C-alpha atoms as a PDB file:
ATOM      1  CA  MET A   1      10.643 -37.552  51.085  1.00  0.00           C
ATOM      2  CA  PRO A   2       6.951 -36.865  51.707  1.00  0.00           C
ATOM      3  CA  LYS A   3       5.631 -33.368  51.338  1.00  0.00           C
ATOM      4  CA  ILE A   4       2.623 -32.055  53.266  1.00  0.00           C
ATOM      5  CA  ALA A   5       0.547 -29.120  51.990  1.00  0.00           C
ATOM      6  CA  ILE A   6      -1.957 -27.161  54.053  1.00  0.00           C
ATOM      7  CA  ASP A   7      -4.019 -24.973  51.763  1.00  0.00           C
ATOM      8  CA  PRO A   8      -5.878 -22.763  52.442  1.00  0.00           C
ATOM      9  CA  ILE A   9      -5.051 -21.685  55.962  1.00  0.00           C
ATOM     10  CA  THR A  10      -8.095 -19.882  57.270  1.00  0.00           C
ATOM     11  CA  ARG A  11      -8.668 -17.233  59.926  1.00  0.00           C
ATOM     12  CA  ILE A  12      -6.167 -14.840  58.331  1.00  0.00           C
ATOM     13  CA  GLU A  13      -6.572 -11.955  55.919  1.00  0.00           C
ATOM     14  CA  GLY A  14      -6.004 -13.260  52.412  1.00  0.00           C
ATOM     15  CA  HIS A  15      -4.880 -16.701  51.293  1.00  0.00           C
ATOM     16  CA  LEU A  16      -1.981 -18.682  52.699  1.00  0.00           C
ATOM     17  CA  ARG A  17      -0.425 -22.009  51.736  1.00  0.00           C
ATOM     18  CA  ILE A  18       2.140 -23.872  53.815  1.00  0.00           C
ATOM     19  CA  GLU A  19       4.195 -26.795  52.508  1.00  0.00           C
ATOM     20  CA  ALA A  20       6.483 -28.885  54.686  1.00  0.00           C
ATOM     21  CA  GLN A  21       9.020 -31.525  53.731  1.00  0.00           C
ATOM     22  CA  VAL A  22       9.005 -34.356  56.264  1.00  0.00           C
ATOM     23  CA  GLU A  23      11.976 -36.620  56.892  1.00  0.00           C
ATOM     24  CA  GLY A  24      12.109 -39.177  59.683  1.00  0.00           C
ATOM     25  CA  GLY A  25       8.870 -37.926  61.201  1.00  0.00           C
ATOM     26  CA  LYS A  26      10.206 -34.374  61.581  1.00  0.00           C
ATOM     27  CA  ILE A  27       9.868 -31.275  59.422  1.00  0.00           C
ATOM     28  CA  LYS A  28      13.104 -30.798  57.495  1.00  0.00           C
ATOM     29  CA  ASP A  29      12.107 -27.747  55.442  1.00  0.00           C
ATOM     30  CA  ALA A  30       9.026 -25.559  55.034  1.00  0.00           C
ATOM     31  CA  TRP A  31       7.696 -22.981  52.581  1.00  0.00           C
ATOM     32  CA  SER A  32       4.857 -20.483  52.734  1.00  0.00           C
ATOM     33  CA  ALA A  33       3.109 -18.609  49.952  1.00  0.00           C
ATOM     34  CA  GLY A  34       0.641 -15.763  50.229  1.00  0.00           C
ATOM     35  CA  THR A  35      -1.367 -15.432  47.049  1.00  0.00           C
ATOM     36  CA  MET A  36      -3.532 -12.426  47.874  1.00  0.00           C
ATOM     37  CA  TRP A  37      -2.133  -8.953  48.363  1.00  0.00           C
ATOM     38  CA  ARG A  38      -4.322  -6.010  49.332  1.00  0.00           C
ATOM     39  CA  GLY A  39      -1.724  -3.257  49.659  1.00  0.00           C
ATOM     40  CA  ILE A  40      -2.208  -2.725  53.384  1.00  0.00           C
ATOM     41  CA  GLU A  41       1.553  -3.025  53.744  1.00  0.00           C
ATOM     42  CA  LEU A  42       2.043   0.083  51.612  1.00  0.00           C
ATOM     43  CA  ILE A  43      -0.411   2.111  53.689  1.00  0.00           C
ATOM     44  CA  VAL A  44       1.461   1.466  56.933  1.00  0.00           C
ATOM     45  CA  ARG A  45       5.005   1.515  55.566  1.00  0.00           C
ATOM     46  CA  ASN A  46       7.309   3.909  57.459  1.00  0.00           C
ATOM     47  CA  ARG A  47       4.624   4.751  60.010  1.00  0.00           C
ATOM     48  CA  ASP A  48       5.026   4.707  63.747  1.00  0.00           C
ATOM     49  CA  PRO A  49       3.889   1.255  64.925  1.00  0.00           C
ATOM     50  CA  ARG A  50       1.832   2.943  67.658  1.00  0.00           C
ATOM     51  CA  GLU A  51      -0.468   4.504  65.052  1.00  0.00           C
ATOM     52  CA  VAL A  52      -0.782   1.559  62.642  1.00  0.00           C
ATOM     53  CA  TRP A  53      -3.666   0.064  64.695  1.00  0.00           C
ATOM     54  CA  ALA A  54      -5.827   3.062  63.740  1.00  0.00           C
ATOM     55  CA  PHE A  55      -5.456   2.286  60.031  1.00  0.00           C
ATOM     56  CA  LEU A  56      -5.774  -1.490  60.223  1.00  0.00           C
ATOM     57  CA  SER A  57      -8.762  -1.534  62.548  1.00  0.00           C
ATOM     58  CA  ARG A  58     -10.781   0.295  59.872  1.00  0.00           C
ATOM     59  CA  ILE A  59      -9.865  -2.006  56.984  1.00  0.00           C
END
């Protein structure tokens, strides 16, 4: 079964890799891996989603 890897995926914050297993011309399974973590998730954890934009727009 062929495997396709797209690495890096650009236009996002950080690094992302996508792998897909192809069978019969269709994607049977897929995996993603983010290899860079900046901690933004911790800053906005448990916050009201309506105020998260104020934090993320400044980062």
